[in-house]
Amino acid sequence: MKYSYKKIFVLIIIFFALPILKLNEISAADFSKTVKFFILQDKGTINDGVETSQPFTISIAEENPQITSAFVEIKGSAKSPAPATGIVNVKLDSNPYDSYNLDVSTKPQKFTINYDITSTISPDFPGVPGNKNYILYIRNDNFDVTNLSARLILTYKYTKNSGNLPVSGFVISSTVDTNNTIFTPGAAFNSIMWNGSLNGGKVRLQLATSNSDLGPWIFKGPDCASLTYYENNSNVPNKIKCLDHNNQKYFRYKIILCSNNCVGAGSNNPNVDSVIVNWSP
């Protein structure tokens, strides 16, 4: 079953990832990168006063990173039973809420909020690559919300290294909810595809599914093995043949980037701009 780009059952999450090995010889030139990926997408209705929380991970592999800006772009459609002023409360981890007023006297009212988290995450990457886990909290007061989504837009500078890169590096997505309940047949996973360029390297994908948002997360290839991968070229769907994924509610995917052939080190930089997972109820 194939769905168009606008269908609810097609989800796109965007990652930019590049594995870099720390070398003694470093170019003095600075480069800039913007990373965009969805933290959450909820097509259902979230009632007035309900707090939504979603864990996510920021991964920076480049050397000497310096955060330039970081925003969480929050979108949704607000509706209210009576003319009112709605309030969107947003916070990261244990920080205090930032509040944004909305006019919800007309319904439904689409809104976009840019929540600035630059000062919060900058100290977590003091010129050193690494991974950092966060939790985003959103609470809508005085209105219900549908089609809630949150997307991270992160821009940072880094130093480009010279010489060979490591054999491989990887990025794991946040947890995605297919909104299929475990009390009825869950999602059927059809295909997984990446967009970008090999640039002489190799890109591998794996999928993990669970009926709990806490996992366990066991990443598998097309034959349900942990050491096999989906390896089609960019823009070519990989059919998901592993039946272990069927009737599962949540999923994560894993991107493996190889600087050569995934066996020996090379100097190639494969680029993944987006991953598309296609599923149906």
Protein backbone atom coordinates (compact mmCIF):
# COMPACT_ATOMS: atom_id res chain seq x y z
CA MET A 1 0.00 0.00 0.00
CA LYS A 2 1.56 3.29 -1.08
CA TYR A 3 0.65 6.63 0.49
CA SER A 4 1.18 10.09 -0.88
CA TYR A 5 3.28 12.64 0.93
CA LYS A 6 0.20 14.20 2.54
CA LYS A 7 -1.18 11.03 4.11
CA ILE A 8 -1.16 10.71 7.88
CA PHE A 9 0.56 7.33 7.73
CA VAL A 10 3.68 8.73 6.08
CA LEU A 11 6.04 10.29 8.58
CA ILE A 12 9.18 12.23 7.75
CA ILE A 13 11.86 12.90 10.33
CA ILE A 14 14.93 14.86 9.29
CA PHE A 15 18.47 14.28 10.55
CA PHE A 16 21.81 15.53 9.29
CA ALA A 17 24.64 13.34 10.53
CA LEU A 18 28.35 13.10 9.77
CA PRO A 19 30.81 10.90 11.71
CA ILE A 20 34.11 12.72 12.30
CA LEU A 21 37.27 11.30 13.83
CA LYS A 22 39.41 13.51 16.04
CA LEU A 23 42.81 13.96 14.38
CA ASN A 24 45.94 15.80 15.36
CA GLU A 25 46.01 17.79 12.14
CA ILE A 26 42.97 20.08 11.89
CA SER A 27 41.97 22.57 9.27
CA ALA A 28 41.56 26.09 10.60
CA ALA A 29 38.43 26.70 8.54
CA ASP A 30 35.04 26.88 10.25
CA PHE A 31 31.93 25.40 8.71
CA SER A 32 28.27 25.77 9.60
CA LYS A 33 25.48 23.19 9.65
CA THR A 34 21.74 23.37 10.29
CA VAL A 35 20.04 20.25 11.63
CA LYS A 36 16.25 19.85 11.50
CA PHE A 37 14.26 16.94 12.90
CA PHE A 38 10.87 16.29 14.43
CA ILE A 39 10.72 15.77 18.17
CA LEU A 40 7.04 14.83 18.19
CA GLN A 41 4.01 14.56 15.93
CA ASP A 42 0.54 13.88 17.34
CA LYS A 43 -2.42 13.79 14.95
CA GLY A 44 -4.98 13.29 17.73
CA THR A 45 -6.72 15.74 20.09
CA ILE A 46 -4.95 16.86 23.27
CA ASN A 47 -7.44 18.24 25.77
CA ASP A 48 -7.23 21.53 27.65
CA GLY A 49 -4.68 21.44 30.47
CA VAL A 50 -2.99 18.19 29.45
CA GLU A 51 0.79 18.21 29.48
CA THR A 52 2.61 16.44 26.65
CA SER A 53 6.19 15.29 27.22
CA GLN A 54 8.61 13.87 24.66
CA PRO A 55 12.24 12.80 25.18
CA PHE A 56 14.73 13.41 22.38
CA THR A 57 18.47 13.36 21.76
CA ILE A 58 20.79 15.91 20.19
CA SER A 59 23.85 14.30 18.62
CA ILE A 60 26.82 16.32 17.33
CA ALA A 61 29.75 14.39 15.86
CA GLU A 62 31.82 17.23 14.40
CA GLU A 63 34.87 18.60 16.17
CA ASN A 64 34.86 21.88 18.11
CA PRO A 65 31.09 22.51 17.85
CA GLN A 66 29.74 25.94 18.77
CA ILE A 67 25.97 26.32 19.01
CA THR A 68 24.81 29.34 16.98
CA SER A 69 21.06 28.99 17.53
CA ALA A 70 18.54 26.37 18.64
CA PHE A 71 14.77 26.67 18.36
CA VAL A 72 11.88 24.29 18.82
CA GLU A 73 9.23 25.10 16.22
CA ILE A 74 5.83 24.14 17.67
CA LYS A 75 2.77 23.95 15.45
CA GLY A 76 -0.83 22.97 16.05
CA SER A 77 -4.47 23.74 15.49
CA ALA A 78 -6.22 25.27 18.52
CA LYS A 79 -9.92 25.04 19.20
CA SER A 80 -11.96 26.36 22.13
CA PRO A 81 -15.57 25.83 23.21
CA ALA A 82 -15.95 29.58 23.80
CA PRO A 83 -14.06 32.77 22.82
CA ALA A 84 -10.98 32.83 24.97
CA THR A 85 -7.28 33.53 25.17
CA GLY A 86 -5.30 30.33 25.00
CA ILE A 87 -1.88 29.85 26.55
CA VAL A 88 0.84 27.50 25.29
CA ASN A 89 3.35 26.63 28.03
CA VAL A 90 6.67 25.16 26.90
CA LYS A 91 9.77 24.09 28.80
CA LEU A 92 12.88 21.97 28.39
CA ASP A 93 13.78 19.56 31.21
CA SER A 94 13.38 21.24 34.63
CA ASN A 95 13.50 24.81 33.31
CA PRO A 96 10.56 27.11 34.08
CA TYR A 97 7.77 27.34 31.53
CA ASP A 98 7.79 29.95 28.78
CA SER A 99 4.22 31.06 28.04
CA TYR A 100 2.75 32.19 24.72
CA ASN A 101 -0.73 33.74 24.38
CA LEU A 102 -3.04 32.74 21.55
CA ASP A 103 -6.29 34.21 20.28
CA VAL A 104 -8.56 31.17 20.06
CA SER A 105 -11.82 33.07 19.59
CA THR A 106 -12.00 31.69 16.05
CA LYS A 107 -11.69 27.96 15.63
CA PRO A 108 -9.79 26.07 14.54
CA GLN A 109 -6.88 28.48 14.85
CA LYS A 110 -3.53 27.32 13.47
CA PHE A 111 -0.48 28.55 15.36
CA THR A 112 3.32 28.44 15.18
CA ILE A 113 5.63 29.13 18.13
CA ASN A 114 9.43 29.34 18.09
CA TYR A 115 10.77 28.33 21.49
CA ASP A 116 14.39 29.48 21.93
CA ILE A 117 16.57 26.89 23.70
CA THR A 118 19.96 28.25 22.59
CA SER A 119 21.15 29.29 26.04
CA THR A 120 20.01 25.99 27.55
CA ILE A 121 21.84 23.58 25.25
CA SER A 122 24.94 25.64 24.40
CA PRO A 123 26.75 24.71 27.65
CA ASP A 124 26.15 21.02 26.89
CA PHE A 125 28.45 21.20 23.86
CA PRO A 126 31.46 23.26 25.01
CA GLY A 127 33.52 22.64 21.90
CA VAL A 128 33.29 18.86 22.36
CA PRO A 129 31.18 16.45 20.23
CA GLY A 130 28.73 14.15 21.95
CA ASN A 131 25.12 13.17 22.67
CA LYS A 132 22.74 14.82 25.11
CA ASN A 133 19.24 13.73 26.14
CA TYR A 134 16.42 16.20 26.81
CA ILE A 135 12.69 16.18 27.54
CA LEU A 136 10.34 18.70 25.93
CA TYR A 137 7.12 19.59 27.80
CA ILE A 138 4.12 21.31 26.19
CA ARG A 139 0.86 22.20 27.99
CA ASN A 140 -2.12 23.87 26.31
CA ASP A 141 -4.37 25.90 28.64
CA ASN A 142 -7.88 27.19 27.79
CA PHE A 143 -8.09 25.26 24.54
CA ASP A 144 -7.82 21.82 22.94
CA VAL A 145 -5.18 21.21 20.31
CA THR A 146 -4.93 18.87 17.32
CA ASN A 147 -2.08 18.09 14.91
CA LEU A 148 0.53 19.08 17.48
CA SER A 149 4.11 18.88 16.26
CA ALA A 150 7.50 20.04 17.50
CA ARG A 151 10.60 20.30 15.31
CA LEU A 152 14.13 21.15 16.40
CA ILE A 153 16.06 23.63 14.24
CA LEU A 154 19.69 23.60 15.38
CA THR A 155 22.54 25.58 13.81
CA TYR A 156 26.16 25.21 14.88
CA LYS A 157 29.70 25.90 13.68
CA TYR A 158 32.38 23.21 13.64
CA THR A 159 35.93 22.58 12.49
CA LYS A 160 36.52 20.29 9.53
CA ASN A 161 39.17 17.66 10.09
CA SER A 162 41.68 16.44 7.55
CA GLY A 163 42.61 12.84 6.81
CA ASN A 164 40.56 9.66 7.02
CA LEU A 165 37.28 9.47 8.90
CA PRO A 166 36.26 6.56 11.14
CA VAL A 167 34.83 3.41 9.58
CA SER A 168 31.27 4.34 10.60
CA GLY A 169 29.07 6.40 12.87
CA PHE A 170 25.37 6.27 13.68
CA VAL A 171 22.33 8.31 14.74
CA ILE A 172 19.17 6.96 16.43
CA SER A 173 15.86 8.76 16.01
CA SER A 174 13.45 9.79 18.74
CA THR A 175 10.53 7.47 19.50
CA VAL A 176 7.65 7.78 17.02
CA ASP A 177 4.04 6.88 17.94
CA THR A 178 1.99 5.46 15.05
CA ASN A 179 -1.19 6.15 17.07
CA ASN A 180 -2.36 2.58 16.58
CA THR A 181 -3.56 1.11 19.87
CA ILE A 182 -2.22 -2.23 21.09
CA PHE A 183 -5.80 -3.39 21.73
CA THR A 184 -6.45 -3.57 17.97
CA PRO A 185 -4.13 -4.71 15.20
CA GLY A 186 -1.21 -2.29 15.26
CA ALA A 187 0.72 -0.71 12.42
CA ALA A 188 1.95 -2.64 9.40
CA PHE A 189 5.38 -1.34 8.40
CA ASN A 190 5.76 -1.20 4.63
CA SER A 191 9.02 0.49 3.67
CA ILE A 192 11.91 2.64 4.84
CA MET A 193 13.85 5.06 2.62
CA TRP A 194 16.49 7.73 2.97
CA ASN A 195 17.19 10.88 0.96
CA GLY A 196 20.63 12.39 0.52
CA SER A 197 23.90 11.53 -1.20
CA LEU A 198 26.45 8.73 -0.76
CA ASN A 199 29.45 10.88 -1.76
CA GLY A 200 31.49 7.69 -2.17
CA GLY A 201 30.49 6.23 1.19
CA LYS A 202 27.64 3.96 2.27
CA VAL A 203 24.36 4.44 4.19
CA ARG A 204 22.64 1.69 6.17
CA LEU A 205 19.29 1.72 7.96
CA GLN A 206 17.72 -0.42 10.69
CA LEU A 207 14.30 -0.38 12.35
CA ALA A 208 13.21 -1.13 15.93
CA THR A 209 9.57 -1.44 17.06
CA SER A 210 7.80 -1.92 20.36
CA ASN A 211 4.38 -1.70 21.99
CA SER A 212 5.90 0.44 24.76
CA ASP A 213 7.40 3.89 24.31
CA LEU A 214 10.19 2.72 26.62
CA GLY A 215 11.19 -0.16 24.35
CA PRO A 216 13.07 -2.46 24.41
CA TRP A 217 14.61 -1.18 21.17
CA ILE A 218 16.19 -3.97 19.12
CA PHE A 219 17.32 -2.69 15.74
CA LYS A 220 16.89 -5.16 12.90
CA GLY A 221 17.44 -5.50 9.17
CA PRO A 222 15.19 -7.01 6.50
CA ASP A 223 15.61 -10.61 7.77
CA CYS A 224 14.98 -9.66 11.43
CA ALA A 225 18.69 -9.99 12.30
CA SER A 226 20.64 -7.38 14.24
CA LEU A 227 23.63 -7.55 11.86
CA THR A 228 21.74 -6.97 8.60
CA TYR A 229 20.75 -3.62 7.09
CA TYR A 230 18.58 -1.84 4.54
CA GLU A 231 21.10 -0.60 1.99
CA ASN A 232 19.24 0.71 -1.06
CA ASN A 233 20.49 3.91 -2.67
CA SER A 234 18.93 7.31 -1.96
CA ASN A 235 15.26 7.72 -2.90
CA VAL A 236 14.78 3.95 -3.36
CA PRO A 237 12.35 2.38 -0.84
CA ASN A 238 13.48 -0.70 1.08
CA LYS A 239 10.62 -3.15 1.62
CA ILE A 240 10.30 -4.05 5.32
CA LYS A 241 10.11 -7.84 5.25
CA CYS A 242 10.64 -8.55 8.95
CA LEU A 243 7.28 -9.67 10.39
CA ASP A 244 8.49 -8.94 13.93
CA HIS A 245 7.58 -5.28 13.36
CA ASN A 246 3.91 -5.89 12.54
CA ASN A 247 1.23 -4.88 15.07
CA GLN A 248 3.66 -2.63 16.94
CA LYS A 249 2.70 0.88 18.09
CA TYR A 250 6.06 2.67 18.42
CA PHE A 251 9.25 2.71 16.38
CA ARG A 252 12.72 4.15 16.13
CA TYR A 253 15.16 3.98 13.23
CA LYS A 254 18.93 3.91 13.13
CA ILE A 255 21.14 5.51 10.48
CA ILE A 256 24.65 4.10 9.99
CA LEU A 257 27.05 6.22 7.93
CA CYS A 258 30.22 4.63 6.54
CA SER A 259 33.18 6.64 5.26
CA ASN A 260 34.05 3.89 2.78
CA ASN A 261 32.55 0.38 2.59
CA CYS A 262 31.69 -0.11 6.30
CA VAL A 263 34.75 -2.38 6.63
CA GLY A 264 37.71 0.00 6.31
CA ALA A 265 38.10 3.71 7.01
CA GLY A 266 37.89 6.26 4.21
CA SER A 267 37.60 9.98 3.57
CA ASN A 268 34.05 10.06 2.14
CA ASN A 269 31.19 11.96 3.76
CA PRO A 270 27.76 10.41 3.11
CA ASN A 271 24.89 12.82 3.77
CA VAL A 272 21.40 11.86 4.99
CA ASP A 273 18.85 14.66 4.71
CA SER A 274 15.69 12.74 5.58
CA VAL A 275 14.31 9.29 6.40
CA ILE A 276 10.81 8.23 5.37
CA VAL A 277 9.09 5.35 7.16
CA ASN A 278 5.87 4.21 5.47
CA TRP A 279 3.29 2.33 7.56
CA SER A 280 -0.43 1.61 7.45
CA PRO A 281 -3.03 0.62 10.07
